[in-house]
Amino acid sequence: MSDQKLVINAKTGEQTLVALTSDEIAEREARHARHEAMMVERELREAARQSAISKLAALGLTVDEISAAFGLENN
């Protein structure tokens, strides 16, 4: 990622590349870390959902029964 930002003067349309401050860089890195954590959490939830569906199916429940009882659909 670039450590610069584009600043546009609304009146003149002049465009200038300006270096990010250390605070802006830290905020960008924090946003990236939050996004990565959210993606890992989403993947873990999906793996748990698929595991639950598989286990319920192994107990003899049909896809329709699993969906009706638990709101889980096998995609």
PDB file of N, CA and C in Angstrom:
ATOM      1  N   MET A   1       0.833  -1.185   0.000  1.00  0.00           N
ATOM      2  CA  MET A   1       0.000   0.000   0.000  1.00  0.00           C
ATOM      3  C   MET A   1       0.878   1.249   0.000  1.00  0.00           C
ATOM      4  N   SER A   2       0.349   2.241  -0.616  1.00  0.00           N
ATOM      5  CA  SER A   2       1.060   3.510  -0.679  1.00  0.00           C
ATOM      6  C   SER A   2       0.904   4.249   0.647  1.00  0.00           C
ATOM      7  N   ASP A   3       1.933   4.958   1.027  1.00  0.00           N
ATOM      8  CA  ASP A   3       1.858   5.767   2.231  1.00  0.00           C
ATOM      9  C   ASP A   3       1.554   7.216   1.864  1.00  0.00           C
ATOM     10  N   GLN A   4       0.727   7.377   0.831  1.00  0.00           N
ATOM     11  CA  GLN A   4       0.315   8.694   0.385  1.00  0.00           C
ATOM     12  C   GLN A   4      -1.194   8.716   0.189  1.00  0.00           C
ATOM     13  N   LYS A   5      -1.730   9.909   0.206  1.00  0.00           N
ATOM     14  CA  LYS A   5      -3.156  10.085  -0.086  1.00  0.00           C
ATOM     15  C   LYS A   5      -3.286  11.204  -1.107  1.00  0.00           C
ATOM     16  N   LEU A   6      -4.366  11.151  -1.857  1.00  0.00           N
ATOM     17  CA  LEU A   6      -4.639  12.163  -2.864  1.00  0.00           C
ATOM     18  C   LEU A   6      -5.561  13.214  -2.248  1.00  0.00           C
ATOM     19  N   VAL A   7      -5.108  14.458  -2.274  1.00  0.00           N
ATOM     20  CA  VAL A   7      -5.912  15.573  -1.774  1.00  0.00           C
ATOM     21  C   VAL A   7      -6.333  16.403  -2.981  1.00  0.00           C
ATOM     22  N   ILE A   8      -7.638  16.623  -3.087  1.00  0.00           N
ATOM     23  CA  ILE A   8      -8.176  17.389  -4.219  1.00  0.00           C
ATOM     24  C   ILE A   8      -8.805  18.670  -3.701  1.00  0.00           C
ATOM     25  N   ASN A   9      -8.354  19.779  -4.229  1.00  0.00           N
ATOM     26  CA  ASN A   9      -8.923  21.080  -3.890  1.00  0.00           C
ATOM     27  C   ASN A   9     -10.236  21.202  -4.644  1.00  0.00           C
ATOM     28  N   ALA A  10     -11.335  21.288  -3.918  1.00  0.00           N
ATOM     29  CA  ALA A  10     -12.670  21.307  -4.526  1.00  0.00           C
ATOM     30  C   ALA A  10     -12.898  22.550  -5.386  1.00  0.00           C
ATOM     31  N   LYS A  11     -12.266  23.651  -5.049  1.00  0.00           N
ATOM     32  CA  LYS A  11     -12.467  24.877  -5.815  1.00  0.00           C
ATOM     33  C   LYS A  11     -11.672  24.878  -7.119  1.00  0.00           C
ATOM     34  N   THR A  12     -10.417  24.456  -7.030  1.00  0.00           N
ATOM     35  CA  THR A  12      -9.542  24.552  -8.209  1.00  0.00           C
ATOM     36  C   THR A  12      -9.403  23.232  -8.955  1.00  0.00           C
ATOM     37  N   GLY A  13      -9.731  22.127  -8.302  1.00  0.00           N
ATOM     38  CA  GLY A  13      -9.557  20.825  -8.915  1.00  0.00           C
ATOM     39  C   GLY A  13      -8.113  20.332  -8.854  1.00  0.00           C
ATOM     40  N   GLU A  14      -7.245  21.109  -8.226  1.00  0.00           N
ATOM     41  CA  GLU A  14      -5.838  20.721  -8.110  1.00  0.00           C
ATOM     42  C   GLU A  14      -5.705  19.453  -7.277  1.00  0.00           C
ATOM     43  N   GLN A  15      -4.904  18.520  -7.776  1.00  0.00           N
ATOM     44  CA  GLN A  15      -4.688  17.252  -7.104  1.00  0.00           C
ATOM     45  C   GLN A  15      -3.250  17.196  -6.596  1.00  0.00           C
ATOM     46  N   THR A  16      -3.118  16.802  -5.324  1.00  0.00           N
ATOM     47  CA  THR A  16      -1.800  16.741  -4.711  1.00  0.00           C
ATOM     48  C   THR A  16      -1.662  15.440  -3.936  1.00  0.00           C
ATOM     49  N   LEU A  17      -0.535  14.749  -4.128  1.00  0.00           N
ATOM     50  CA  LEU A  17      -0.233  13.578  -3.312  1.00  0.00           C
ATOM     51  C   LEU A  17       0.468  14.052  -2.058  1.00  0.00           C
ATOM     52  N   VAL A  18      -0.062  13.603  -0.910  1.00  0.00           N
ATOM     53  CA  VAL A  18       0.464  14.018   0.385  1.00  0.00           C
ATOM     54  C   VAL A  18       0.799  12.765   1.189  1.00  0.00           C
ATOM     55  N   ALA A  19       1.918  12.796   1.885  1.00  0.00           N
ATOM     56  CA  ALA A  19       2.309  11.660   2.720  1.00  0.00           C
ATOM     57  C   ALA A  19       1.319  11.493   3.871  1.00  0.00           C
ATOM     58  N   LEU A  20       1.007  10.231   4.194  1.00  0.00           N
ATOM     59  CA  LEU A  20       0.140   9.948   5.337  1.00  0.00           C
ATOM     60  C   LEU A  20       0.895  10.241   6.635  1.00  0.00           C
ATOM     61  N   THR A  21       0.161  10.675   7.632  1.00  0.00           N
ATOM     62  CA  THR A  21       0.771  10.880   8.940  1.00  0.00           C
ATOM     63  C   THR A  21       0.908   9.524   9.629  1.00  0.00           C
ATOM     64  N   SER A  22       1.684   9.478  10.685  1.00  0.00           N
ATOM     65  CA  SER A  22       1.839   8.216  11.423  1.00  0.00           C
ATOM     66  C   SER A  22       0.502   7.764  12.003  1.00  0.00           C
ATOM     67  N   ASP A  23      -0.338   8.705  12.406  1.00  0.00           N
ATOM     68  CA  ASP A  23      -1.669   8.347  12.914  1.00  0.00           C
ATOM     69  C   ASP A  23      -2.533   7.727  11.814  1.00  0.00           C
ATOM     70  N   GLU A  24      -2.462   8.277  10.605  1.00  0.00           N
ATOM     71  CA  GLU A  24      -3.235   7.732   9.487  1.00  0.00           C
ATOM     72  C   GLU A  24      -2.743   6.338   9.104  1.00  0.00           C
ATOM     73  N   ILE A  25      -1.444   6.143   9.143  1.00  0.00           N
ATOM     74  CA  ILE A  25      -0.889   4.824   8.847  1.00  0.00           C
ATOM     75  C   ILE A  25      -1.327   3.823   9.908  1.00  0.00           C
ATOM     76  N   ALA A  26      -1.280   4.217  11.173  1.00  0.00           N
ATOM     77  CA  ALA A  26      -1.704   3.334  12.271  1.00  0.00           C
ATOM     78  C   ALA A  26      -3.184   2.988  12.138  1.00  0.00           C
ATOM     79  N   GLU A  27      -4.015   3.957  11.772  1.00  0.00           N
ATOM     80  CA  GLU A  27      -5.454   3.709  11.599  1.00  0.00           C
ATOM     81  C   GLU A  27      -5.691   2.750  10.439  1.00  0.00           C
ATOM     82  N   ARG A  28      -4.970   2.932   9.341  1.00  0.00           N
ATOM     83  CA  ARG A  28      -5.101   2.041   8.195  1.00  0.00           C
ATOM     84  C   ARG A  28      -4.724   0.613   8.587  1.00  0.00           C
ATOM     85  N   GLU A  29      -3.627   0.466   9.336  1.00  0.00           N
ATOM     86  CA  GLU A  29      -3.194  -0.857   9.771  1.00  0.00           C
ATOM     87  C   GLU A  29      -4.201  -1.481  10.734  1.00  0.00           C
ATOM     88  N   ALA A  30      -4.790  -0.673  11.612  1.00  0.00           N
ATOM     89  CA  ALA A  30      -5.802  -1.172  12.551  1.00  0.00           C
ATOM     90  C   ALA A  30      -7.051  -1.628  11.792  1.00  0.00           C
ATOM     91  N   ARG A  31      -7.463  -0.850  10.778  1.00  0.00           N
ATOM     92  CA  ARG A  31      -8.613  -1.241   9.941  1.00  0.00           C
ATOM     93  C   ARG A  31      -8.337  -2.560   9.234  1.00  0.00           C
ATOM     94  N   HIS A  32      -7.145  -2.697   8.717  1.00  0.00           N
ATOM     95  CA  HIS A  32      -6.767  -3.928   8.023  1.00  0.00           C
ATOM     96  C   HIS A  32      -6.800  -5.114   8.990  1.00  0.00           C
ATOM     97  N   ALA A  33      -6.282  -4.934  10.190  1.00  0.00           N
ATOM     98  CA  ALA A  33      -6.283  -6.010  11.190  1.00  0.00           C
ATOM     99  C   ALA A  33      -7.709  -6.389  11.578  1.00  0.00           C
ATOM    100  N   ARG A  34      -8.593  -5.384  11.745  1.00  0.00           N
ATOM    101  CA  ARG A  34      -9.998  -5.673  12.072  1.00  0.00           C
ATOM    102  C   ARG A  34     -10.667  -6.444  10.946  1.00  0.00           C
ATOM    103  N   HIS A  35     -10.370  -6.061   9.714  1.00  0.00           N
ATOM    104  CA  HIS A  35     -10.949  -6.746   8.563  1.00  0.00           C
ATOM    105  C   HIS A  35     -10.474  -8.202   8.518  1.00  0.00           C
ATOM    106  N   GLU A  36      -9.188  -8.414   8.721  1.00  0.00           N
ATOM    107  CA  GLU A  36      -8.645  -9.779   8.711  1.00  0.00           C
ATOM    108  C   GLU A  36      -9.289 -10.623   9.820  1.00  0.00           C
ATOM    109  N   ALA A  37      -9.440 -10.050  11.010  1.00  0.00           N
ATOM    110  CA  ALA A  37     -10.066 -10.779  12.123  1.00  0.00           C
ATOM    111  C   ALA A  37     -11.515 -11.125  11.797  1.00  0.00           C
ATOM    112  N   MET A  38     -12.216 -10.201  11.160  1.00  0.00           N
ATOM    113  CA  MET A  38     -13.604 -10.435  10.778  1.00  0.00           C
ATOM    114  C   MET A  38     -13.698 -11.568   9.749  1.00  0.00           C
ATOM    115  N   MET A  39     -12.769 -11.602   8.812  1.00  0.00           N
ATOM    116  CA  MET A  39     -12.775 -12.650   7.792  1.00  0.00           C
ATOM    117  C   MET A  39     -12.486 -14.019   8.422  1.00  0.00           C
ATOM    118  N   VAL A  40     -11.554 -14.081   9.359  1.00  0.00           N
ATOM    119  CA  VAL A  40     -11.249 -15.341  10.047  1.00  0.00           C
ATOM    120  C   VAL A  40     -12.464 -15.800  10.842  1.00  0.00           C
ATOM    121  N   GLU A  41     -13.111 -14.865  11.537  1.00  0.00           N
ATOM    122  CA  GLU A  41     -14.313 -15.203  12.313  1.00  0.00           C
ATOM    123  C   GLU A  41     -15.411 -15.749  11.398  1.00  0.00           C
ATOM    124  N   ARG A  42     -15.590 -15.135  10.254  1.00  0.00           N
ATOM    125  CA  ARG A  42     -16.598 -15.592   9.293  1.00  0.00           C
ATOM    126  C   ARG A  42     -16.289 -17.009   8.810  1.00  0.00           C
ATOM    127  N   GLU A  43     -15.021 -17.271   8.511  1.00  0.00           N
ATOM    128  CA  GLU A  43     -14.619 -18.607   8.064  1.00  0.00           C
ATOM    129  C   GLU A  43     -14.831 -19.651   9.163  1.00  0.00           C
ATOM    130  N   LEU A  44     -14.524 -19.287  10.415  1.00  0.00           N
ATOM    131  CA  LEU A  44     -14.734 -20.211  11.534  1.00  0.00           C
ATOM    132  C   LEU A  44     -16.214 -20.510  11.743  1.00  0.00           C
ATOM    133  N   ARG A  45     -17.053 -19.477  11.632  1.00  0.00           N
ATOM    134  CA  ARG A  45     -18.502 -19.682  11.759  1.00  0.00           C
ATOM    135  C   ARG A  45     -19.020 -20.610  10.676  1.00  0.00           C
ATOM    136  N   GLU A  46     -18.528 -20.411   9.449  1.00  0.00           N
ATOM    137  CA  GLU A  46     -18.971 -21.248   8.336  1.00  0.00           C
ATOM    138  C   GLU A  46     -18.512 -22.692   8.540  1.00  0.00           C
ATOM    139  N   ALA A  47     -17.294 -22.879   9.020  1.00  0.00           N
ATOM    140  CA  ALA A  47     -16.798 -24.235   9.271  1.00  0.00           C
ATOM    141  C   ALA A  47     -17.629 -24.903  10.368  1.00  0.00           C
ATOM    142  N   ALA A  48     -17.981 -24.162  11.409  1.00  0.00           N
ATOM    143  CA  ALA A  48     -18.809 -24.709  12.488  1.00  0.00           C
ATOM    144  C   ALA A  48     -20.205 -25.064  11.975  1.00  0.00           C
ATOM    145  N   ARG A  49     -20.738 -24.216  11.103  1.00  0.00           N
ATOM    146  CA  ARG A  49     -22.070 -24.474  10.529  1.00  0.00           C
ATOM    147  C   ARG A  49     -22.048 -25.747   9.692  1.00  0.00           C
ATOM    148  N   GLN A  50     -21.034 -25.870   8.843  1.00  0.00           N
ATOM    149  CA  GLN A  50     -20.931 -27.069   8.011  1.00  0.00           C
ATOM    150  C   GLN A  50     -20.724 -28.315   8.866  1.00  0.00           C
ATOM    151  N   SER A  51     -19.949 -28.195   9.932  1.00  0.00           N
ATOM    152  CA  SER A  51     -19.729 -29.316  10.839  1.00  0.00           C
ATOM    153  C   SER A  51     -21.040 -29.727  11.507  1.00  0.00           C
ATOM    154  N   ALA A  52     -21.827 -28.752  11.935  1.00  0.00           N
ATOM    155  CA  ALA A  52     -23.113 -29.049  12.572  1.00  0.00           C
ATOM    156  C   ALA A  52     -24.048 -29.760  11.596  1.00  0.00           C
ATOM    157  N   ILE A  53     -24.091 -29.279  10.365  1.00  0.00           N
ATOM    158  CA  ILE A  53     -24.945 -29.911   9.354  1.00  0.00           C
ATOM    159  C   ILE A  53     -24.511 -31.354   9.131  1.00  0.00           C
ATOM    160  N   SER A  54     -23.218 -31.574   8.999  1.00  0.00           N
ATOM    161  CA  SER A  54     -22.700 -32.936   8.777  1.00  0.00           C
ATOM    162  C   SER A  54     -23.031 -33.856   9.945  1.00  0.00           C
ATOM    163  N   LYS A  55     -22.863 -33.358  11.161  1.00  0.00           N
ATOM    164  CA  LYS A  55     -23.135 -34.178  12.342  1.00  0.00           C
ATOM    165  C   LYS A  55     -24.622 -34.502  12.464  1.00  0.00           C
ATOM    166  N   LEU A  56     -25.464 -33.512  12.180  1.00  0.00           N
ATOM    167  CA  LEU A  56     -26.900 -33.759  12.236  1.00  0.00           C
ATOM    168  C   LEU A  56     -27.328 -34.748  11.149  1.00  0.00           C
ATOM    169  N   ALA A  57     -26.733 -34.627   9.975  1.00  0.00           N
ATOM    170  CA  ALA A  57     -27.040 -35.571   8.891  1.00  0.00           C
ATOM    171  C   ALA A  57     -26.566 -36.975   9.260  1.00  0.00           C
ATOM    172  N   ALA A  58     -25.426 -37.078   9.936  1.00  0.00           N
ATOM    173  CA  ALA A  58     -24.912 -38.387  10.356  1.00  0.00           C
ATOM    174  C   ALA A  58     -25.830 -39.044  11.382  1.00  0.00           C
ATOM    175  N   LEU A  59     -26.579 -38.222  12.104  1.00  0.00           N
ATOM    176  CA  LEU A  59     -27.545 -38.763  13.073  1.00  0.00           C
ATOM    177  C   LEU A  59     -28.834 -39.213  12.393  1.00  0.00           C
ATOM    178  N   GLY A  60     -28.942 -38.950  11.091  1.00  0.00           N
ATOM    179  CA  GLY A  60     -30.093 -39.421  10.339  1.00  0.00           C
ATOM    180  C   GLY A  60     -31.093 -38.341   9.972  1.00  0.00           C
ATOM    181  N   LEU A  61     -30.810 -37.109  10.319  1.00  0.00           N
ATOM    182  CA  LEU A  61     -31.736 -36.044   9.947  1.00  0.00           C
ATOM    183  C   LEU A  61     -31.578 -35.730   8.468  1.00  0.00           C
ATOM    184  N   THR A  62     -32.696 -35.414   7.827  1.00  0.00           N
ATOM    185  CA  THR A  62     -32.652 -35.013   6.423  1.00  0.00           C
ATOM    186  C   THR A  62     -32.313 -33.525   6.341  1.00  0.00           C
ATOM    187  N   VAL A  63     -31.961 -33.083   5.147  1.00  0.00           N
ATOM    188  CA  VAL A  63     -31.659 -31.665   4.941  1.00  0.00           C
ATOM    189  C   VAL A  63     -32.864 -30.808   5.314  1.00  0.00           C
ATOM    190  N   ASP A  64     -34.060 -31.259   4.952  1.00  0.00           N
ATOM    191  CA  ASP A  64     -35.277 -30.510   5.278  1.00  0.00           C
ATOM    192  C   ASP A  64     -35.486 -30.429   6.790  1.00  0.00           C
ATOM    193  N   GLU A  65     -35.224 -31.513   7.506  1.00  0.00           N
ATOM    194  CA  GLU A  65     -35.384 -31.518   8.967  1.00  0.00           C
ATOM    195  C   GLU A  65     -34.359 -30.592   9.629  1.00  0.00           C
ATOM    196  N   ILE A  66     -33.134 -30.651   9.140  1.00  0.00           N
ATOM    197  CA  ILE A  66     -32.094 -29.783   9.691  1.00  0.00           C
ATOM    198  C   ILE A  66     -32.459 -28.322   9.467  1.00  0.00           C
ATOM    199  N   SER A  67     -32.896 -28.008   8.270  1.00  0.00           N
ATOM    200  CA  SER A  67     -33.269 -26.641   7.943  1.00  0.00           C
ATOM    201  C   SER A  67     -34.443 -26.163   8.785  1.00  0.00           C
ATOM    202  N   ALA A  68     -35.459 -27.012   8.932  1.00  0.00           N
ATOM    203  CA  ALA A  68     -36.647 -26.635   9.692  1.00  0.00           C
ATOM    204  C   ALA A  68     -36.342 -26.463  11.178  1.00  0.00           C
ATOM    205  N   ALA A  69     -35.523 -27.366  11.726  1.00  0.00           N
ATOM    206  CA  ALA A  69     -35.272 -27.348  13.166  1.00  0.00           C
ATOM    207  C   ALA A  69     -34.250 -26.286  13.573  1.00  0.00           C
ATOM    208  N   PHE A  70     -33.246 -26.084  12.739  1.00  0.00           N
ATOM    209  CA  PHE A  70     -32.138 -25.230  13.154  1.00  0.00           C
ATOM    210  C   PHE A  70     -31.875 -24.041  12.229  1.00  0.00           C
ATOM    211  N   GLY A  71     -32.595 -23.956  11.146  1.00  0.00           N
ATOM    212  CA  GLY A  71     -32.386 -22.863  10.210  1.00  0.00           C
ATOM    213  C   GLY A  71     -31.075 -22.976   9.456  1.00  0.00           C
ATOM    214  N   LEU A  72     -30.504 -24.185   9.422  1.00  0.00           N
ATOM    215  CA  LEU A  72     -29.240 -24.394   8.709  1.00  0.00           C
ATOM    216  C   LEU A  72     -29.538 -24.995   7.350  1.00  0.00           C
ATOM    217  N   GLU A  73     -28.998 -24.380   6.331  1.00  0.00           N
ATOM    218  CA  GLU A  73     -29.176 -24.919   4.992  1.00  0.00           C
ATOM    219  C   GLU A  73     -27.823 -25.298   4.436  1.00  0.00           C
ATOM    220  N   ASN A  74     -27.755 -26.460   3.824  1.00  0.00           N
ATOM    221  CA  ASN A  74     -26.500 -26.950   3.258  1.00  0.00           C
ATOM    222  C   ASN A  74     -26.317 -26.340   1.892  1.00  0.00           C
ATOM    223  N   ASN A  75     -25.366 -25.441   1.777  1.00  0.00           N
ATOM    224  CA  ASN A  75     -25.119 -24.750   0.491  1.00  0.00           C
ATOM    225  C   ASN A  75     -23.934 -25.358  -0.189  1.00  0.00           C
TER     226      ASN A  75
END
